[in-house]
Amino acid sequence: MSMFGDGLDKAVQKAFTRPAPKSAGPQMRYMVKQLGGTKAVAELLGMSQRQVERYVAGKAKKPRADLAARLEREVTKRWQPQIRAKAREKAATTGGIVIDTRARMGYTAPIGSTDQDRIRHLTVALPPVYAARLFDAQAAGASDDRLREIAAEALKEVYFQDGGRRAGSLDEVRFTDVEHLEFDL
């Protein structure tokens, strides 16, 4: 499970104008409409085409826990793509993104300064350029480690260096042991 990728997805999902379907029948009908047939849904979810047809017809109602989780994840991934795209574009061009995290952070700095890692709870508004970098990396399939690096660079510039007004000789920010992470658009 990707903590940073999931956090970005949850932030975008807050922009949805309608809730995604919750029960198996409407979820299956939505997936059949999106993928163009029951066979494609069956292959995606790893089940028989006939069972997908049963859910669509309302004859089957309660999927197994693992199937219910996969189905919900796939529906949510495809739900309101235009709203999702607009929210990402707004964050990447004008709004920026807010990161709320509780994690161990430290940095590499010149000798004589306090660069020891410590737990910090930060809520920081990141400029649109970093929102764009995070969303672009996520869309390109970047790993959670790469998303963590981008977030660390953003925190270095915005929080530690305050846009160039302090800590100019700061080299690298370490962002580890994440206890809590939430993004907001």
Foldseek 3Di string as FASTA:
>chain_A
DQPLLVQLLVQLVVQDPDDFDQWQQSLLVVVCVVVVHLVVVCVQLVHDSVVSVCSPVVNDTDDDPVSSVSSVVVRSVPPPPVSSVVVLVCCLPPQPKKKWWWFWKFFDADPPDDGDTDTDTDIDGFHNNLSNVLVVCVVVVHGSVVSVQSVQVRCCCCPVCVNPVDRPRIDGMDTDDIPDIHMHD
